[in-house]
Amino acid sequence: DVAVVTLEVRSSNAVARNLYRKYGFEDRGLRKGYYADDREDAIIMTTPPIRGHEFQDLFQVLRREHQERWGPADRELV
């Protein structure tokens, strides 16, 4: 069971790309001319397997950071 999350992001959108990297996404490929409005390229970004130790450890760190900054969440993610 190798579940990963994949997305495309505009190559010019450095803010979004950095945010996705913070959440474990890595650059995996390029879709040339992906966006219809201006033919901008898209960067394909993918997480490691989300059930693996690497991603789960990162998720727990991010979760703690969120709670320290904003307090406990109203609901828990399972």
Protein backbone atom coordinates (compact mmCIF):
# COMPACT_ATOMS: atom_id res chain seq x y z
CA ASP A 1 0.00 0.00 0.00
CA VAL A 2 1.93 3.02 -1.29
CA ALA A 3 -0.37 6.03 -1.06
CA VAL A 4 1.17 9.34 -2.06
CA VAL A 5 -0.26 12.79 -2.72
CA THR A 6 0.58 14.46 -6.03
CA LEU A 7 -0.21 17.95 -7.28
CA GLU A 8 0.74 20.42 -9.97
CA VAL A 9 1.77 23.99 -9.21
CA ARG A 10 2.72 26.86 -11.50
CA SER A 11 6.47 27.01 -11.97
CA SER A 12 6.37 30.75 -11.18
CA ASN A 13 4.54 30.26 -7.86
CA ALA A 14 7.52 30.15 -5.50
CA VAL A 15 5.39 30.88 -2.41
CA ALA A 16 3.15 27.86 -3.01
CA ARG A 17 6.08 25.61 -3.92
CA ASN A 18 7.84 26.50 -0.68
CA LEU A 19 4.66 25.87 1.32
CA TYR A 20 4.22 22.45 -0.30
CA ARG A 21 7.87 21.60 0.43
CA LYS A 22 7.24 22.42 4.10
CA TYR A 23 4.51 19.76 4.05
CA GLY A 24 6.75 17.11 2.56
CA PHE A 25 6.22 17.54 -1.18
CA GLU A 26 9.20 17.19 -3.52
CA ASP A 27 9.60 18.17 -7.16
CA ARG A 28 9.07 15.09 -9.32
CA GLY A 29 8.56 16.34 -12.84
CA LEU A 30 7.45 19.04 -15.25
CA ARG A 31 4.34 19.43 -17.38
CA LYS A 32 5.31 21.75 -20.22
CA GLY A 33 2.60 24.28 -21.17
CA TYR A 34 0.19 22.79 -18.61
CA TYR A 35 -1.92 25.88 -17.92
CA ALA A 36 -4.34 26.76 -20.73
CA ASP A 37 -4.55 30.49 -20.01
CA ASP A 38 -0.87 31.28 -20.59
CA ARG A 39 0.81 27.93 -21.37
CA GLU A 40 2.93 28.18 -18.22
CA ASP A 41 4.70 25.02 -17.12
CA ALA A 42 3.58 23.13 -14.02
CA ILE A 43 5.88 21.49 -11.53
CA ILE A 44 4.67 18.06 -10.41
CA MET A 45 5.15 17.63 -6.66
CA THR A 46 4.65 14.42 -4.70
CA THR A 47 4.91 13.36 -1.06
CA PRO A 48 6.73 10.29 0.14
CA PRO A 49 4.34 7.44 1.01
CA ILE A 50 1.95 9.08 3.48
CA ARG A 51 1.71 5.96 5.65
CA GLY A 52 5.50 5.65 5.88
CA HIS A 53 7.61 6.73 8.84
CA GLU A 54 9.20 9.66 7.00
CA PHE A 55 5.91 11.40 6.25
CA GLN A 56 4.25 10.43 9.55
CA ASP A 57 7.19 11.87 11.51
CA LEU A 58 6.98 15.12 9.54
CA PHE A 59 3.21 15.23 10.05
CA GLN A 60 3.61 14.91 13.83
CA VAL A 61 6.20 17.73 13.91
CA LEU A 62 3.91 20.00 11.88
CA ARG A 63 0.96 19.07 14.08
CA ARG A 64 2.86 20.01 17.25
CA GLU A 65 4.00 23.30 15.70
CA HIS A 66 0.39 24.09 14.76
CA GLN A 67 -0.86 23.35 18.28
CA GLU A 68 1.89 25.46 19.84
CA ARG A 69 0.97 28.39 17.62
CA TRP A 70 -2.82 28.08 17.40
CA GLY A 71 -3.86 25.76 20.23
CA PRO A 72 -5.54 22.37 19.92
CA ALA A 73 -7.61 21.70 16.83
CA ASP A 74 -11.39 21.56 17.13
CA ARG A 75 -11.27 18.07 15.64
CA GLU A 76 -8.64 15.43 15.22
CA LEU A 77 -7.46 14.03 11.91
CA VAL A 78 -7.43 10.28 11.75
